[in-house]
Amino acid sequence: MKQRHKHADVIIAWAEGKDVQIWNSINKRWVDLVLADPNFRADKYRIKPITEKYRVALLLNDDNEPYTVSLNSQDYADIIEQRTNFVRWLTDWIEYEE
């Protein structure tokens, strides 16, 4: 019986239209695979993970005490920024992989 290709799962995911990444050993990071017809001969591939983002805001409550909220959408960030109790952003947008 012929042995399964070591990247079979990634090849199938790519064929189904999922985004695939290849390990760049020079820069030591994953980069998007942009070839229209990859040969899958490199050592490391992966299905691109879903990324989420958040941002943290500082606000004041009715007693003028500080508290924080984290937001995961620009629409909600825009609303929070317009509130009278908004003080400032504590972070820029932070991305993370699930």
N, C-alpha and C. Protein backbone atom coordinates (compact mmCIF):
# COMPACT_ATOMS: atom_id res chain seq x y z
N MET A 1 0.84 -1.18 0.00
CA MET A 1 0.00 0.00 0.00
C MET A 1 0.89 1.25 0.00
N LYS A 2 0.53 2.20 -0.81
CA LYS A 2 1.30 3.44 -0.93
C LYS A 2 1.09 4.30 0.31
N GLN A 3 2.20 4.91 0.78
CA GLN A 3 2.13 5.75 1.97
C GLN A 3 1.46 7.09 1.65
N ARG A 4 0.67 7.56 2.58
CA ARG A 4 -0.04 8.83 2.44
C ARG A 4 0.97 9.98 2.42
N HIS A 5 0.72 10.98 1.59
CA HIS A 5 1.60 12.15 1.50
C HIS A 5 1.62 12.86 2.85
N LYS A 6 2.81 13.31 3.27
CA LYS A 6 2.92 13.90 4.61
C LYS A 6 2.13 15.20 4.76
N HIS A 7 1.79 15.83 3.65
CA HIS A 7 1.00 17.07 3.70
C HIS A 7 -0.43 16.85 3.20
N ALA A 8 -0.91 15.63 3.23
CA ALA A 8 -2.22 15.30 2.65
C ALA A 8 -3.35 16.18 3.20
N ASP A 9 -3.40 16.35 4.50
CA ASP A 9 -4.48 17.15 5.09
C ASP A 9 -4.44 18.59 4.61
N VAL A 10 -3.23 19.15 4.52
CA VAL A 10 -3.09 20.54 4.06
C VAL A 10 -3.43 20.64 2.57
N ILE A 11 -3.00 19.65 1.78
CA ILE A 11 -3.30 19.65 0.34
C ILE A 11 -4.81 19.61 0.12
N ILE A 12 -5.50 18.77 0.88
CA ILE A 12 -6.96 18.67 0.75
C ILE A 12 -7.61 19.99 1.16
N ALA A 13 -7.14 20.58 2.25
CA ALA A 13 -7.69 21.87 2.69
C ALA A 13 -7.46 22.94 1.63
N TRP A 14 -6.27 22.97 1.04
CA TRP A 14 -5.97 23.93 -0.03
C TRP A 14 -6.89 23.71 -1.22
N ALA A 15 -7.11 22.45 -1.58
CA ALA A 15 -8.00 22.12 -2.72
C ALA A 15 -9.44 22.54 -2.43
N GLU A 16 -9.82 22.56 -1.17
CA GLU A 16 -11.16 22.99 -0.78
C GLU A 16 -11.27 24.50 -0.65
N GLY A 17 -10.18 25.22 -0.90
CA GLY A 17 -10.22 26.68 -0.89
C GLY A 17 -9.79 27.33 0.41
N LYS A 18 -9.29 26.54 1.35
CA LYS A 18 -8.83 27.13 2.61
C LYS A 18 -7.47 27.78 2.40
N ASP A 19 -7.19 28.79 3.23
CA ASP A 19 -5.90 29.46 3.17
C ASP A 19 -4.84 28.58 3.82
N VAL A 20 -3.69 28.51 3.18
CA VAL A 20 -2.58 27.68 3.64
C VAL A 20 -1.37 28.58 3.84
N GLN A 21 -0.55 28.22 4.83
CA GLN A 21 0.68 28.95 5.09
C GLN A 21 1.87 28.01 5.02
N ILE A 22 3.02 28.59 4.71
CA ILE A 22 4.27 27.85 4.63
C ILE A 22 5.24 28.47 5.62
N TRP A 23 6.08 27.63 6.25
CA TRP A 23 7.05 28.12 7.23
C TRP A 23 8.23 28.73 6.52
N ASN A 24 8.53 30.00 6.84
CA ASN A 24 9.69 30.68 6.30
C ASN A 24 10.82 30.54 7.31
N SER A 25 11.76 29.67 7.03
CA SER A 25 12.83 29.38 7.99
C SER A 25 13.83 30.53 8.12
N ILE A 26 13.88 31.42 7.15
CA ILE A 26 14.78 32.57 7.23
C ILE A 26 14.22 33.59 8.23
N ASN A 27 12.94 33.93 8.08
CA ASN A 27 12.31 34.91 8.97
C ASN A 27 11.70 34.29 10.22
N LYS A 28 11.69 32.98 10.28
CA LYS A 28 11.14 32.23 11.43
C LYS A 28 9.68 32.61 11.71
N ARG A 29 8.87 32.54 10.64
CA ARG A 29 7.44 32.83 10.82
C ARG A 29 6.65 32.17 9.70
N TRP A 30 5.34 32.02 9.93
CA TRP A 30 4.44 31.49 8.92
C TRP A 30 4.05 32.60 7.96
N VAL A 31 4.03 32.30 6.66
CA VAL A 31 3.60 33.27 5.65
C VAL A 31 2.54 32.62 4.77
N ASP A 32 1.67 33.45 4.22
CA ASP A 32 0.60 32.94 3.37
C ASP A 32 1.18 32.34 2.09
N LEU A 33 0.64 31.22 1.69
CA LEU A 33 1.02 30.56 0.45
C LEU A 33 0.22 31.22 -0.67
N VAL A 34 0.90 31.82 -1.63
CA VAL A 34 0.22 32.57 -2.68
C VAL A 34 0.35 31.94 -4.07
N LEU A 35 0.99 30.80 -4.15
CA LEU A 35 1.14 30.13 -5.44
C LEU A 35 -0.20 29.57 -5.91
N ALA A 36 -0.48 29.72 -7.19
CA ALA A 36 -1.72 29.18 -7.74
C ALA A 36 -1.69 27.65 -7.81
N ASP A 37 -0.48 27.09 -7.95
CA ASP A 37 -0.34 25.64 -8.08
C ASP A 37 0.89 25.18 -7.30
N PRO A 38 0.81 25.12 -5.97
CA PRO A 38 1.98 24.76 -5.17
C PRO A 38 2.36 23.29 -5.35
N ASN A 39 3.63 22.99 -5.15
CA ASN A 39 4.09 21.60 -5.29
C ASN A 39 4.16 20.85 -3.96
N PHE A 40 3.98 21.55 -2.83
CA PHE A 40 3.99 20.96 -1.49
C PHE A 40 5.23 20.12 -1.22
N ARG A 41 6.38 20.68 -1.57
CA ARG A 41 7.65 19.99 -1.33
C ARG A 41 8.44 20.57 -0.16
N ALA A 42 7.98 21.66 0.40
CA ALA A 42 8.66 22.24 1.55
C ALA A 42 8.43 21.36 2.78
N ASP A 43 9.13 21.66 3.86
CA ASP A 43 9.02 20.84 5.07
C ASP A 43 7.76 21.10 5.88
N LYS A 44 7.37 22.39 5.99
CA LYS A 44 6.28 22.71 6.90
C LYS A 44 5.20 23.55 6.22
N TYR A 45 3.99 23.06 6.30
CA TYR A 45 2.79 23.78 5.85
C TYR A 45 1.76 23.68 6.96
N ARG A 46 0.81 24.58 6.94
CA ARG A 46 -0.31 24.48 7.87
C ARG A 46 -1.51 25.19 7.27
N ILE A 47 -2.67 24.81 7.74
CA ILE A 47 -3.89 25.54 7.40
C ILE A 47 -3.85 26.82 8.21
N LYS A 48 -4.07 27.94 7.56
CA LYS A 48 -3.99 29.23 8.24
C LYS A 48 -5.00 29.29 9.37
N PRO A 49 -4.53 29.55 10.59
CA PRO A 49 -5.46 29.59 11.72
C PRO A 49 -6.34 30.83 11.68
N ILE A 50 -7.48 30.72 12.30
CA ILE A 50 -8.39 31.86 12.41
C ILE A 50 -7.77 32.83 13.43
N THR A 51 -7.76 34.10 13.09
CA THR A 51 -7.24 35.10 14.02
C THR A 51 -8.38 35.96 14.53
N GLU A 52 -8.27 36.35 15.75
CA GLU A 52 -9.21 37.26 16.38
C GLU A 52 -8.43 38.50 16.80
N LYS A 53 -9.16 39.56 17.15
CA LYS A 53 -8.48 40.75 17.62
C LYS A 53 -9.29 41.38 18.74
N TYR A 54 -8.61 42.16 19.55
CA TYR A 54 -9.27 42.89 20.61
C TYR A 54 -8.48 44.16 20.93
N ARG A 55 -9.15 45.05 21.65
CA ARG A 55 -8.55 46.29 22.08
C ARG A 55 -9.10 46.62 23.46
N VAL A 56 -8.30 47.23 24.32
CA VAL A 56 -8.72 47.52 25.69
C VAL A 56 -8.88 49.03 25.88
N ALA A 57 -10.02 49.41 26.46
CA ALA A 57 -10.31 50.82 26.72
C ALA A 57 -10.40 51.07 28.21
N LEU A 58 -10.04 52.28 28.60
CA LEU A 58 -10.18 52.72 29.98
C LEU A 58 -11.36 53.67 30.06
N LEU A 59 -12.28 53.41 31.01
CA LEU A 59 -13.45 54.24 31.21
C LEU A 59 -13.58 54.58 32.69
N LEU A 60 -14.50 55.49 33.01
CA LEU A 60 -14.78 55.83 34.40
C LEU A 60 -16.22 55.49 34.71
N ASN A 61 -16.46 54.93 35.91
CA ASN A 61 -17.85 54.64 36.30
C ASN A 61 -18.49 55.89 36.91
N ASP A 62 -19.70 55.76 37.44
CA ASP A 62 -20.42 56.91 37.99
C ASP A 62 -19.72 57.52 39.19
N ASP A 63 -18.90 56.75 39.90
CA ASP A 63 -18.14 57.26 41.04
C ASP A 63 -16.75 57.76 40.64
N ASN A 64 -16.56 57.92 39.35
CA ASN A 64 -15.29 58.39 38.80
C ASN A 64 -14.14 57.42 39.06
N GLU A 65 -14.46 56.14 39.19
CA GLU A 65 -13.44 55.11 39.38
C GLU A 65 -13.15 54.45 38.04
N PRO A 66 -11.89 54.17 37.75
CA PRO A 66 -11.55 53.59 36.45
C PRO A 66 -11.92 52.10 36.35
N TYR A 67 -12.28 51.71 35.14
CA TYR A 67 -12.48 50.29 34.82
C TYR A 67 -12.13 50.09 33.36
N THR A 68 -11.93 48.85 32.99
CA THR A 68 -11.55 48.55 31.61
C THR A 68 -12.58 47.67 30.94
N VAL A 69 -12.63 47.77 29.63
CA VAL A 69 -13.43 46.87 28.80
C VAL A 69 -12.57 46.46 27.61
N SER A 70 -12.77 45.23 27.16
CA SER A 70 -12.10 44.79 25.94
C SER A 70 -13.15 44.63 24.86
N LEU A 71 -12.78 45.04 23.66
CA LEU A 71 -13.69 45.07 22.52
C LEU A 71 -13.12 44.24 21.40
N ASN A 72 -13.99 43.61 20.63
CA ASN A 72 -13.50 42.79 19.52
C ASN A 72 -14.04 43.22 18.16
N SER A 73 -14.59 44.44 18.08
CA SER A 73 -15.04 44.92 16.77
C SER A 73 -14.85 46.43 16.69
N GLN A 74 -14.57 46.91 15.49
CA GLN A 74 -14.37 48.35 15.29
C GLN A 74 -15.67 49.10 15.54
N ASP A 75 -16.80 48.52 15.18
CA ASP A 75 -18.10 49.18 15.41
C ASP A 75 -18.30 49.47 16.90
N TYR A 76 -18.04 48.48 17.74
CA TYR A 76 -18.21 48.67 19.17
C TYR A 76 -17.16 49.65 19.70
N ALA A 77 -15.95 49.60 19.18
CA ALA A 77 -14.90 50.53 19.59
C ALA A 77 -15.31 51.97 19.29
N ASP A 78 -15.92 52.19 18.14
CA ASP A 78 -16.38 53.53 17.77
C ASP A 78 -17.44 54.04 18.76
N ILE A 79 -18.33 53.16 19.18
CA ILE A 79 -19.38 53.52 20.14
C ILE A 79 -18.76 53.88 21.49
N ILE A 80 -17.86 53.04 21.97
CA ILE A 80 -17.22 53.27 23.27
C ILE A 80 -16.44 54.58 23.27
N GLU A 81 -15.76 54.85 22.17
CA GLU A 81 -14.92 56.05 22.08
C GLU A 81 -15.76 57.33 22.16
N GLN A 82 -17.02 57.28 21.80
CA GLN A 82 -17.90 58.45 21.82
C GLN A 82 -18.56 58.67 23.18
N ARG A 83 -18.46 57.72 24.08
CA ARG A 83 -19.09 57.85 25.39
C ARG A 83 -18.38 58.91 26.22
N THR A 84 -19.13 59.60 27.06
CA THR A 84 -18.55 60.67 27.89
C THR A 84 -17.61 60.12 28.96
N ASN A 85 -17.77 58.86 29.34
CA ASN A 85 -16.90 58.29 30.37
C ASN A 85 -15.66 57.60 29.79
N PHE A 86 -15.47 57.70 28.48
CA PHE A 86 -14.28 57.15 27.83
C PHE A 86 -13.07 58.01 28.20
N VAL A 87 -11.98 57.36 28.65
CA VAL A 87 -10.77 58.08 29.01
C VAL A 87 -9.76 57.98 27.87
N ARG A 88 -9.36 56.74 27.57
CA ARG A 88 -8.38 56.53 26.50
C ARG A 88 -8.26 55.04 26.19
N TRP A 89 -7.56 54.75 25.09
CA TRP A 89 -7.25 53.37 24.74
C TRP A 89 -6.01 52.95 25.50
N LEU A 90 -6.05 51.76 26.07
CA LEU A 90 -4.89 51.22 26.76
C LEU A 90 -4.01 50.39 25.82
N THR A 91 -4.61 49.90 24.73
CA THR A 91 -3.85 49.11 23.75
C THR A 91 -4.28 49.49 22.35
N ASP A 92 -3.42 49.18 21.39
CA ASP A 92 -3.83 49.17 19.99
C ASP A 92 -4.56 47.84 19.77
N TRP A 93 -4.97 47.57 18.54
CA TRP A 93 -5.58 46.28 18.24
C TRP A 93 -4.54 45.19 18.41
N ILE A 94 -4.91 44.13 19.12
CA ILE A 94 -4.02 42.99 19.35
C ILE A 94 -4.63 41.78 18.66
N GLU A 95 -3.85 41.15 17.79
CA GLU A 95 -4.32 39.94 17.09
C GLU A 95 -3.74 38.71 17.75
N TYR A 96 -4.55 37.67 17.77
CA TYR A 96 -4.09 36.40 18.31
C TYR A 96 -4.75 35.26 17.53
N GLU A 97 -4.09 34.12 17.52
CA GLU A 97 -4.60 32.94 16.83
C GLU A 97 -5.41 32.11 17.80
N GLU A 98 -6.52 31.61 17.33
CA GLU A 98 -7.34 30.73 18.18
C GLU A 98 -6.72 29.37 18.29
